[in-house]
């Protein structure tokens, strides 16, 4: 099957166009980009993270929403694997209001985008407290956590199985072993 994508769109046209489509898309600098399908490992990691976040975060303050829209620039709408947004958004919203935490699970074809392009976009968001990029082919998390002076120039890379990702401003302590529970590496 050959999918014909629109050449250029603005955000409102994209949001109208993307509704009801089975495939996943993002709008990047006004261009529609089709996203790759997710593997079993990707799905397990996202599920584990949602369960952990629901357990650790205050549901009166935060909503955990998988594959939810994010306004990432004048002509860019992204769909991170997990968005932690403040409570109080309208049920009809298609993008996060004030995301505090964004998580991407790396696919081999998206690694460069998630670690470079998306990081550059996401770290500019004033409400963002942390950006996590979790590998799916190995136990590895790349983590940016905002400190008093802003985000550090480079992320922290966590690979130890017994290590945890800590985001003090959200009260998070996410164990790598729990994030990867049930995931088998080849």
N, C-alpha and C. Protein backbone atom coordinates (compact mmCIF):
# COMPACT_ATOMS: atom_id res chain seq x y z
N UNK A 1 0.84 -1.16 0.00
CA UNK A 1 0.00 0.00 0.00
C UNK A 1 0.89 1.23 0.00
N UNK A 2 0.54 2.21 -0.77
CA UNK A 2 1.29 3.44 -0.87
C UNK A 2 0.45 4.56 -0.25
N UNK A 3 0.95 5.17 0.82
CA UNK A 3 0.22 6.23 1.51
C UNK A 3 0.70 7.57 0.98
N UNK A 4 -0.23 8.37 0.48
CA UNK A 4 0.09 9.71 -0.01
C UNK A 4 -0.14 10.70 1.13
N UNK A 5 0.94 11.30 1.61
CA UNK A 5 0.84 12.25 2.71
C UNK A 5 0.77 13.67 2.18
N UNK A 6 0.04 14.54 2.87
CA UNK A 6 0.02 15.94 2.47
C UNK A 6 1.43 16.53 2.57
N UNK A 7 1.75 17.46 1.72
CA UNK A 7 3.09 18.04 1.69
C UNK A 7 3.30 19.00 2.86
N UNK A 8 2.44 19.99 3.04
CA UNK A 8 2.56 20.99 4.10
C UNK A 8 1.20 21.18 4.76
N UNK A 9 1.22 21.41 6.09
CA UNK A 9 -0.01 21.67 6.83
C UNK A 9 0.29 22.56 8.01
N UNK A 10 -0.74 23.29 8.46
CA UNK A 10 -0.60 23.98 9.73
C UNK A 10 -1.17 23.06 10.82
N UNK A 11 -1.03 23.46 12.07
CA UNK A 11 -1.43 22.60 13.19
C UNK A 11 -2.92 22.27 13.19
N UNK A 12 -3.76 23.25 12.95
CA UNK A 12 -5.20 22.98 13.00
C UNK A 12 -5.63 22.04 11.87
N UNK A 13 -5.06 22.22 10.69
CA UNK A 13 -5.38 21.32 9.58
C UNK A 13 -4.89 19.91 9.88
N UNK A 14 -3.70 19.80 10.47
CA UNK A 14 -3.15 18.50 10.82
C UNK A 14 -4.04 17.79 11.84
N UNK A 15 -4.44 18.50 12.89
CA UNK A 15 -5.29 17.88 13.92
C UNK A 15 -6.61 17.40 13.33
N UNK A 16 -7.18 18.12 12.40
CA UNK A 16 -8.41 17.68 11.74
C UNK A 16 -8.14 16.47 10.85
N UNK A 17 -7.04 16.51 10.12
CA UNK A 17 -6.69 15.45 9.17
C UNK A 17 -6.36 14.14 9.89
N UNK A 18 -5.66 14.20 11.01
CA UNK A 18 -5.16 13.00 11.68
C UNK A 18 -6.24 12.23 12.45
N UNK A 19 -7.37 12.87 12.77
CA UNK A 19 -8.42 12.22 13.53
C UNK A 19 -8.98 11.01 12.79
N UNK A 20 -9.07 9.90 13.48
CA UNK A 20 -9.65 8.69 12.91
C UNK A 20 -8.70 7.85 12.08
N UNK A 21 -7.47 8.28 11.90
CA UNK A 21 -6.50 7.49 11.14
C UNK A 21 -5.90 6.43 12.04
N UNK A 22 -5.69 5.27 11.49
CA UNK A 22 -5.12 4.17 12.27
C UNK A 22 -3.61 4.31 12.43
N UNK A 23 -2.96 4.85 11.44
CA UNK A 23 -1.51 5.01 11.50
C UNK A 23 -1.17 6.16 12.44
N UNK A 24 0.09 6.20 12.87
CA UNK A 24 0.56 7.27 13.75
C UNK A 24 1.35 8.29 12.93
N UNK A 25 1.10 9.56 13.19
CA UNK A 25 1.76 10.64 12.47
C UNK A 25 2.20 11.72 13.45
N UNK A 26 3.18 12.51 13.02
CA UNK A 26 3.57 13.73 13.70
C UNK A 26 3.67 14.83 12.66
N UNK A 27 3.54 16.05 13.11
CA UNK A 27 3.73 17.21 12.24
C UNK A 27 5.06 17.83 12.63
N UNK A 28 6.01 17.86 11.71
CA UNK A 28 7.35 18.36 11.99
C UNK A 28 7.67 19.48 11.02
N UNK A 29 7.76 20.69 11.57
CA UNK A 29 8.02 21.88 10.76
C UNK A 29 7.05 21.98 9.58
N UNK A 30 5.77 21.66 9.86
CA UNK A 30 4.73 21.77 8.85
C UNK A 30 4.59 20.58 7.92
N UNK A 31 5.47 19.57 8.06
CA UNK A 31 5.42 18.37 7.21
C UNK A 31 4.85 17.20 8.00
N UNK A 32 3.99 16.41 7.37
CA UNK A 32 3.41 15.23 8.00
C UNK A 32 4.39 14.07 7.88
N UNK A 33 4.71 13.46 9.02
CA UNK A 33 5.65 12.34 9.07
C UNK A 33 4.93 11.13 9.64
N UNK A 34 5.00 10.00 8.94
CA UNK A 34 4.40 8.76 9.44
C UNK A 34 5.37 8.10 10.41
N UNK A 35 4.84 7.65 11.55
CA UNK A 35 5.67 7.03 12.59
C UNK A 35 5.69 5.51 12.40
N UNK A 36 6.76 4.89 12.89
CA UNK A 36 6.90 3.44 12.76
C UNK A 36 5.99 2.74 13.76
N UNK A 37 5.68 1.48 13.46
CA UNK A 37 4.90 0.66 14.38
C UNK A 37 5.74 0.25 15.58
N UNK A 38 5.09 -0.12 16.66
CA UNK A 38 5.79 -0.45 17.90
C UNK A 38 5.98 -1.95 18.04
N UNK A 39 7.13 -2.33 18.60
CA UNK A 39 7.43 -3.75 18.86
C UNK A 39 6.82 -4.18 20.20
N UNK A 40 6.88 -5.46 20.48
CA UNK A 40 6.42 -5.99 21.76
C UNK A 40 7.19 -5.34 22.91
N UNK A 41 8.51 -5.26 22.78
CA UNK A 41 9.33 -4.65 23.84
C UNK A 41 8.89 -3.21 24.09
N UNK A 42 8.66 -2.48 23.02
CA UNK A 42 8.19 -1.08 23.13
C UNK A 42 6.89 -1.03 23.93
N UNK A 43 5.94 -1.87 23.57
CA UNK A 43 4.64 -1.92 24.25
C UNK A 43 4.76 -2.29 25.71
N UNK A 44 5.61 -3.27 26.01
CA UNK A 44 5.80 -3.68 27.41
C UNK A 44 6.43 -2.56 28.24
N UNK A 45 7.41 -1.89 27.68
CA UNK A 45 8.08 -0.81 28.41
C UNK A 45 7.11 0.34 28.66
N UNK A 46 6.34 0.72 27.67
CA UNK A 46 5.36 1.80 27.85
C UNK A 46 4.34 1.40 28.91
N UNK A 47 3.85 0.17 28.85
CA UNK A 47 2.88 -0.31 29.85
C UNK A 47 3.48 -0.28 31.25
N UNK A 48 4.70 -0.79 31.39
CA UNK A 48 5.37 -0.78 32.69
C UNK A 48 5.51 0.64 33.23
N UNK A 49 5.90 1.56 32.36
CA UNK A 49 6.08 2.95 32.79
C UNK A 49 4.75 3.58 33.22
N UNK A 50 3.69 3.33 32.49
CA UNK A 50 2.38 3.87 32.87
C UNK A 50 1.97 3.34 34.25
N UNK A 51 2.15 2.05 34.47
CA UNK A 51 1.81 1.46 35.78
C UNK A 51 2.65 2.10 36.88
N UNK A 52 3.95 2.22 36.67
CA UNK A 52 4.83 2.83 37.67
C UNK A 52 4.45 4.28 37.95
N UNK A 53 4.20 5.03 36.89
CA UNK A 53 3.85 6.44 37.06
C UNK A 53 2.52 6.60 37.79
N UNK A 54 1.56 5.75 37.49
CA UNK A 54 0.26 5.81 38.19
C UNK A 54 0.45 5.52 39.68
N UNK A 55 1.36 4.65 39.99
CA UNK A 55 1.63 4.30 41.39
C UNK A 55 2.37 5.43 42.11
N UNK A 56 3.27 6.11 41.42
CA UNK A 56 4.16 7.08 42.06
C UNK A 56 3.65 8.51 42.06
N UNK A 57 2.85 8.89 41.08
CA UNK A 57 2.44 10.29 40.96
C UNK A 57 1.08 10.55 41.60
N UNK A 58 0.90 11.74 42.10
CA UNK A 58 -0.35 12.17 42.72
C UNK A 58 -1.40 12.40 41.63
N UNK A 59 -2.44 11.58 41.62
CA UNK A 59 -3.48 11.67 40.58
C UNK A 59 -4.31 12.93 40.70
N UNK A 60 -4.21 13.64 41.82
CA UNK A 60 -4.90 14.90 41.97
C UNK A 60 -4.16 16.04 41.26
N UNK A 61 -2.88 15.79 40.95
CA UNK A 61 -2.06 16.82 40.30
C UNK A 61 -1.67 16.47 38.87
N UNK A 62 -1.54 15.16 38.56
CA UNK A 62 -0.96 14.74 37.28
C UNK A 62 -1.81 13.70 36.57
N UNK A 63 -1.85 13.82 35.24
CA UNK A 63 -2.48 12.83 34.37
C UNK A 63 -1.39 12.18 33.53
N UNK A 64 -1.44 10.86 33.42
CA UNK A 64 -0.47 10.10 32.62
C UNK A 64 -1.20 9.67 31.35
N UNK A 65 -0.72 10.16 30.20
CA UNK A 65 -1.43 9.91 28.95
C UNK A 65 -0.47 9.36 27.90
N UNK A 66 -0.63 8.10 27.51
CA UNK A 66 0.22 7.55 26.45
C UNK A 66 -0.16 8.13 25.08
N UNK A 67 0.87 8.32 24.24
CA UNK A 67 0.68 8.71 22.84
C UNK A 67 -0.24 9.92 22.70
N UNK A 68 0.06 10.98 23.43
CA UNK A 68 -0.78 12.17 23.44
C UNK A 68 -0.03 13.33 22.79
N UNK A 69 -0.76 14.24 22.19
CA UNK A 69 -0.19 15.34 21.45
C UNK A 69 0.56 16.35 22.30
N UNK A 70 1.59 16.92 21.69
CA UNK A 70 2.43 17.91 22.35
C UNK A 70 2.77 19.00 21.35
N UNK A 71 2.45 20.23 21.70
CA UNK A 71 2.80 21.38 20.87
C UNK A 71 4.28 21.65 21.10
N UNK A 72 5.12 21.34 20.10
CA UNK A 72 6.57 21.41 20.27
C UNK A 72 7.22 22.53 19.46
N UNK A 73 6.43 23.44 18.95
CA UNK A 73 6.99 24.54 18.19
C UNK A 73 5.96 25.13 17.25
N UNK A 74 6.31 26.19 16.55
CA UNK A 74 5.34 26.89 15.70
C UNK A 74 4.67 25.99 14.66
N UNK A 75 5.40 25.04 14.10
CA UNK A 75 4.85 24.17 13.06
C UNK A 75 5.04 22.70 13.39
N UNK A 76 5.12 22.35 14.69
CA UNK A 76 5.45 20.98 15.09
C UNK A 76 4.52 20.47 16.18
N UNK A 77 3.92 19.32 15.92
CA UNK A 77 3.12 18.58 16.90
C UNK A 77 3.72 17.19 17.02
N UNK A 78 4.14 16.84 18.21
CA UNK A 78 4.72 15.52 18.47
C UNK A 78 3.74 14.68 19.28
N UNK A 79 4.00 13.37 19.31
CA UNK A 79 3.20 12.44 20.10
C UNK A 79 4.14 11.56 20.91
N UNK A 80 4.65 12.07 22.04
CA UNK A 80 5.55 11.25 22.87
C UNK A 80 4.85 9.97 23.31
N UNK A 81 5.64 8.96 23.62
CA UNK A 81 5.06 7.70 24.08
C UNK A 81 4.26 7.90 25.36
N UNK A 82 4.76 8.76 26.26
CA UNK A 82 4.03 9.07 27.49
C UNK A 82 4.18 10.55 27.79
N UNK A 83 3.05 11.18 28.12
CA UNK A 83 3.02 12.57 28.55
C UNK A 83 2.45 12.60 29.96
N UNK A 84 3.14 13.26 30.88
CA UNK A 84 2.58 13.54 32.20
C UNK A 84 2.23 15.02 32.18
N UNK A 85 0.93 15.29 32.24
CA UNK A 85 0.42 16.65 32.13
C UNK A 85 -0.30 17.01 33.42
N UNK A 86 -0.41 18.29 33.69
CA UNK A 86 -1.14 18.71 34.88
C UNK A 86 -2.61 18.34 34.74
N UNK A 87 -3.26 18.08 35.84
CA UNK A 87 -4.69 17.79 35.86
C UNK A 87 -5.44 19.06 35.49
N UNK A 88 -6.55 18.89 34.81
CA UNK A 88 -7.40 20.04 34.54
C UNK A 88 -7.58 20.37 33.08
N UNK A 89 -6.92 19.64 32.21
CA UNK A 89 -7.13 19.88 30.79
C UNK A 89 -8.54 19.47 30.39
N UNK A 90 -9.02 20.02 29.31
CA UNK A 90 -10.35 19.69 28.80
C UNK A 90 -10.32 18.31 28.14
N UNK A 91 -11.38 17.55 28.30
CA UNK A 91 -11.45 16.20 27.72
C UNK A 91 -11.35 16.21 26.20
N UNK A 92 -11.67 17.33 25.58
CA UNK A 92 -11.60 17.44 24.12
C UNK A 92 -10.26 17.94 23.61
N UNK A 93 -9.30 18.18 24.51
CA UNK A 93 -7.98 18.65 24.09
C UNK A 93 -7.25 17.57 23.28
N UNK A 94 -6.43 18.03 22.33
CA UNK A 94 -5.60 17.13 21.54
C UNK A 94 -4.12 17.30 21.82
N UNK A 95 -3.79 18.27 22.68
CA UNK A 95 -2.39 18.47 23.07
C UNK A 95 -2.31 18.75 24.56
N UNK A 96 -1.15 18.47 25.14
CA UNK A 96 -0.91 18.68 26.56
C UNK A 96 -0.93 20.17 26.89
N UNK A 97 -1.44 20.50 28.07
CA UNK A 97 -1.52 21.90 28.50
C UNK A 97 -0.21 22.37 29.14
N UNK A 98 0.33 21.57 30.05
CA UNK A 98 1.55 21.94 30.78
C UNK A 98 2.32 20.67 31.12
N UNK A 99 2.94 20.03 30.12
CA UNK A 99 3.62 18.76 30.39
C UNK A 99 4.80 18.93 31.35
N UNK A 100 4.86 18.05 32.35
CA UNK A 100 5.94 18.07 33.32
C UNK A 100 6.98 17.00 33.02
N UNK A 101 6.54 15.90 32.41
CA UNK A 101 7.42 14.78 32.10
C UNK A 101 7.04 14.23 30.74
N UNK A 102 8.05 14.02 29.89
CA UNK A 102 7.85 13.40 28.59
C UNK A 102 8.76 12.18 28.51
N UNK A 103 8.22 11.09 27.96
CA UNK A 103 9.00 9.86 27.83
C UNK A 103 8.86 9.33 26.41
N UNK A 104 10.01 9.00 25.83
CA UNK A 104 10.05 8.33 24.52
C UNK A 104 10.76 7.00 24.72
N UNK A 105 10.24 5.96 24.09
CA UNK A 105 10.90 4.65 24.06
C UNK A 105 11.54 4.54 22.69
N UNK A 106 12.85 4.35 22.69
CA UNK A 106 13.60 4.34 21.44
C UNK A 106 13.24 3.17 20.55
N UNK A 107 13.06 3.48 19.29
CA UNK A 107 13.02 2.47 18.24
C UNK A 107 14.32 2.67 17.46
N UNK A 108 14.88 1.62 16.87
CA UNK A 108 16.13 1.79 16.14
C UNK A 108 16.06 2.92 15.10
N UNK A 109 14.92 3.08 14.46
CA UNK A 109 14.81 4.11 13.42
C UNK A 109 14.55 5.51 13.97
N UNK A 110 14.22 5.64 15.26
CA UNK A 110 13.91 6.96 15.82
C UNK A 110 14.97 7.47 16.80
N UNK A 111 16.00 6.70 17.04
CA UNK A 111 16.98 7.03 18.07
C UNK A 111 17.57 8.43 17.89
N UNK A 112 18.01 8.76 16.71
CA UNK A 112 18.63 10.06 16.46
C UNK A 112 17.64 11.19 16.70
N UNK A 113 16.38 11.03 16.25
CA UNK A 113 15.36 12.06 16.45
C UNK A 113 15.04 12.25 17.93
N UNK A 114 14.87 11.13 18.66
CA UNK A 114 14.50 11.21 20.07
C UNK A 114 15.59 11.84 20.92
N UNK A 115 16.85 11.54 20.61
CA UNK A 115 17.96 12.03 21.42
C UNK A 115 18.45 13.41 21.00
N UNK A 116 18.18 13.81 19.77
CA UNK A 116 18.68 15.10 19.30
C UNK A 116 17.54 16.08 19.03
N UNK A 117 16.75 15.83 17.99
CA UNK A 117 15.73 16.78 17.56
C UNK A 117 14.65 16.98 18.63
N UNK A 118 14.09 15.87 19.11
CA UNK A 118 13.02 15.99 20.11
C UNK A 118 13.56 16.56 21.42
N UNK A 119 14.76 16.15 21.81
CA UNK A 119 15.34 16.71 23.04
C UNK A 119 15.46 18.23 22.92
N UNK A 120 15.94 18.71 21.79
CA UNK A 120 16.08 20.16 21.59
C UNK A 120 14.73 20.87 21.68
N UNK A 121 13.69 20.26 21.12
CA UNK A 121 12.35 20.86 21.18
C UNK A 121 11.77 20.78 22.60
N UNK A 122 11.83 19.60 23.19
CA UNK A 122 11.19 19.38 24.48
C UNK A 122 11.82 20.20 25.60
N UNK A 123 13.14 20.30 25.60
CA UNK A 123 13.83 20.98 26.70
C UNK A 123 13.55 22.48 26.72
N UNK A 124 12.94 23.00 25.68
CA UNK A 124 12.54 24.42 25.63
C UNK A 124 11.21 24.67 26.32
N UNK A 125 10.45 23.61 26.60
CA UNK A 125 9.12 23.78 27.19
C UNK A 125 9.23 24.26 28.63
N UNK A 126 8.63 25.40 28.97
CA UNK A 126 8.80 25.97 30.31
C UNK A 126 8.25 25.11 31.44
N UNK A 127 7.24 24.31 31.18
CA UNK A 127 6.65 23.47 32.23
C UNK A 127 7.39 22.15 32.44
N UNK A 128 8.27 21.77 31.51
CA UNK A 128 8.90 20.46 31.55
C UNK A 128 9.92 20.36 32.69
N UNK A 129 9.80 19.28 33.46
CA UNK A 129 10.73 19.02 34.56
C UNK A 129 11.73 17.93 34.20
N UNK A 130 11.32 17.01 33.31
CA UNK A 130 12.24 15.93 32.92
C UNK A 130 11.82 15.34 31.58
N UNK A 131 12.83 14.87 30.86
CA UNK A 131 12.64 14.15 29.59
C UNK A 131 13.43 12.85 29.70
N UNK A 132 12.74 11.73 29.53
CA UNK A 132 13.37 10.41 29.61
C UNK A 132 13.29 9.73 28.26
N UNK A 133 14.41 9.16 27.85
CA UNK A 133 14.46 8.36 26.63
C UNK A 133 14.93 6.97 27.05
N UNK A 134 14.08 5.99 26.83
CA UNK A 134 14.32 4.63 27.30
C UNK A 134 14.58 3.72 26.10
N UNK A 135 15.70 3.01 26.11
CA UNK A 135 16.02 2.08 25.02
C UNK A 135 15.12 0.86 25.11
N UNK A 136 14.91 0.20 23.98
CA UNK A 136 14.13 -1.04 24.02
C UNK A 136 14.96 -2.26 23.67
N UNK A 137 16.20 -2.06 23.22
CA UNK A 137 17.05 -3.20 22.87
C UNK A 137 18.09 -3.50 23.95
N UNK A 138 18.14 -2.67 24.98
CA UNK A 138 19.04 -2.86 26.11
C UNK A 138 18.50 -2.08 27.30
N UNK A 139 18.96 -2.42 28.49
CA UNK A 139 18.58 -1.67 29.70
C UNK A 139 19.38 -0.37 29.72
N UNK A 140 18.74 0.71 29.30
CA UNK A 140 19.45 1.99 29.23
C UNK A 140 18.44 3.13 29.18
N UNK A 141 18.65 4.12 30.04
CA UNK A 141 17.81 5.30 30.05
C UNK A 141 18.69 6.54 29.93
N UNK A 142 18.29 7.44 29.07
CA UNK A 142 18.96 8.73 28.90
C UNK A 142 18.01 9.76 29.50
N UNK A 143 18.51 10.54 30.46
CA UNK A 143 17.64 11.35 31.30
C UNK A 143 18.12 12.80 31.38
N UNK A 144 17.20 13.72 31.11
CA UNK A 144 17.43 15.14 31.34
C UNK A 144 16.49 15.56 32.47
N UNK A 145 17.01 16.11 33.55
CA UNK A 145 16.20 16.60 34.66
C UNK A 145 16.54 18.07 34.88
N UNK A 146 15.49 18.90 34.90
CA UNK A 146 15.69 20.33 35.11
C UNK A 146 16.12 20.58 36.55
N UNK A 147 17.18 21.35 36.70
CA UNK A 147 17.64 21.77 38.02
C UNK A 147 17.35 23.24 38.21
N UNK A 148 17.86 23.83 39.28
CA UNK A 148 17.62 25.25 39.54
C UNK A 148 18.12 26.17 38.41
N UNK A 149 19.15 25.74 37.71
CA UNK A 149 19.72 26.54 36.62
C UNK A 149 19.20 26.10 35.25
N UNK A 150 18.21 25.22 35.22
CA UNK A 150 17.68 24.71 33.96
C UNK A 150 18.17 23.29 33.69
N UNK A 151 18.08 22.87 32.43
CA UNK A 151 18.52 21.53 32.05
C UNK A 151 20.03 21.51 31.89
N UNK A 152 20.67 20.39 32.24
CA UNK A 152 22.12 20.29 32.05
C UNK A 152 22.45 20.24 30.55
N UNK A 153 23.69 20.58 30.17
CA UNK A 153 24.06 20.57 28.76
C UNK A 153 24.03 19.17 28.14
N UNK A 154 24.21 18.15 28.95
CA UNK A 154 24.12 16.78 28.43
C UNK A 154 23.35 15.92 29.44
N UNK A 155 22.73 14.85 28.94
CA UNK A 155 21.90 14.02 29.82
C UNK A 155 22.74 13.08 30.68
N UNK A 156 22.05 12.49 31.65
CA UNK A 156 22.62 11.41 32.45
C UNK A 156 22.21 10.11 31.77
N UNK A 157 23.15 9.17 31.62
CA UNK A 157 22.84 7.87 31.03
C UNK A 157 22.89 6.84 32.16
N UNK A 158 21.80 6.08 32.30
CA UNK A 158 21.68 5.09 33.38
C UNK A 158 21.60 3.71 32.75
N UNK A 159 22.51 2.81 33.16
CA UNK A 159 22.53 1.46 32.59
C UNK A 159 22.54 0.36 33.65
N UNK A 160 22.87 0.68 34.88
CA UNK A 160 22.94 -0.34 35.91
C UNK A 160 21.55 -0.90 36.20
N UNK A 161 21.42 -2.21 36.25
CA UNK A 161 20.13 -2.85 36.43
C UNK A 161 19.44 -2.42 37.72
N UNK A 162 20.20 -2.22 38.78
CA UNK A 162 19.61 -1.84 40.07
C UNK A 162 19.46 -0.34 40.24
N UNK A 163 19.80 0.44 39.21
CA UNK A 163 19.72 1.90 39.28
C UNK A 163 18.28 2.36 39.14
N UNK A 164 18.07 3.63 39.47
CA UNK A 164 16.74 4.21 39.36
C UNK A 164 16.86 5.59 38.73
N UNK A 165 15.79 5.98 38.07
CA UNK A 165 15.67 7.33 37.51
C UNK A 165 14.95 8.16 38.57
N UNK A 166 15.59 9.23 38.98
CA UNK A 166 14.99 10.07 40.02
C UNK A 166 14.68 11.45 39.47
N UNK A 167 13.45 11.87 39.73
CA UNK A 167 13.01 13.23 39.39
C UNK A 167 12.40 13.78 40.68
N UNK A 168 13.22 14.44 41.47
CA UNK A 168 12.82 14.89 42.81
C UNK A 168 11.61 15.82 42.76
N UNK A 169 11.54 16.72 41.78
CA UNK A 169 10.44 17.68 41.74
C UNK A 169 9.08 17.02 41.48
N UNK A 170 9.09 15.79 41.00
CA UNK A 170 7.85 15.04 40.81
C UNK A 170 7.71 13.92 41.84
N UNK A 171 8.74 13.73 42.66
CA UNK A 171 8.72 12.65 43.64
C UNK A 171 8.86 11.29 43.01
N UNK A 172 9.56 11.21 41.89
CA UNK A 172 9.69 9.95 41.15
C UNK A 172 10.99 9.24 41.45
N UNK A 173 10.89 7.93 41.57
CA UNK A 173 12.03 7.05 41.72
C UNK A 173 11.69 5.79 40.93
N UNK A 174 12.05 5.78 39.64
CA UNK A 174 11.66 4.70 38.73
C UNK A 174 12.80 3.70 38.57
N UNK A 175 12.60 2.51 39.05
CA UNK A 175 13.60 1.45 38.98
C UNK A 175 13.74 0.92 37.56
N UNK A 176 14.97 0.83 37.08
CA UNK A 176 15.20 0.29 35.74
C UNK A 176 14.70 -1.15 35.64
N UNK A 177 14.87 -1.93 36.70
CA UNK A 177 14.41 -3.32 36.65
C UNK A 177 12.89 -3.39 36.52
N UNK A 178 12.15 -2.45 37.10
CA UNK A 178 10.70 -2.44 36.96
C UNK A 178 10.27 -1.93 35.58
N UNK A 179 11.01 -0.97 35.05
CA UNK A 179 10.71 -0.45 33.71
C UNK A 179 10.82 -1.57 32.68
N UNK A 180 11.82 -2.44 32.86
CA UNK A 180 12.10 -3.51 31.88
C UNK A 180 11.50 -4.86 32.28
N UNK A 181 10.63 -4.89 33.26
CA UNK A 181 10.01 -6.15 33.71
C UNK A 181 9.31 -6.84 32.54
N UNK A 182 9.66 -8.10 32.30
CA UNK A 182 9.05 -8.90 31.24
C UNK A 182 9.67 -8.73 29.86
N UNK A 183 10.60 -7.80 29.72
CA UNK A 183 11.24 -7.56 28.42
C UNK A 183 12.44 -8.49 28.29
N UNK A 184 12.48 -9.23 27.19
CA UNK A 184 13.61 -10.14 26.91
C UNK A 184 14.45 -9.54 25.81
N UNK A 185 15.73 -9.46 26.08
CA UNK A 185 16.65 -8.91 25.10
C UNK A 185 17.28 -10.06 24.30
N UNK A 186 17.40 -9.85 22.98
CA UNK A 186 17.98 -10.92 22.17
C UNK A 186 19.47 -10.80 22.09
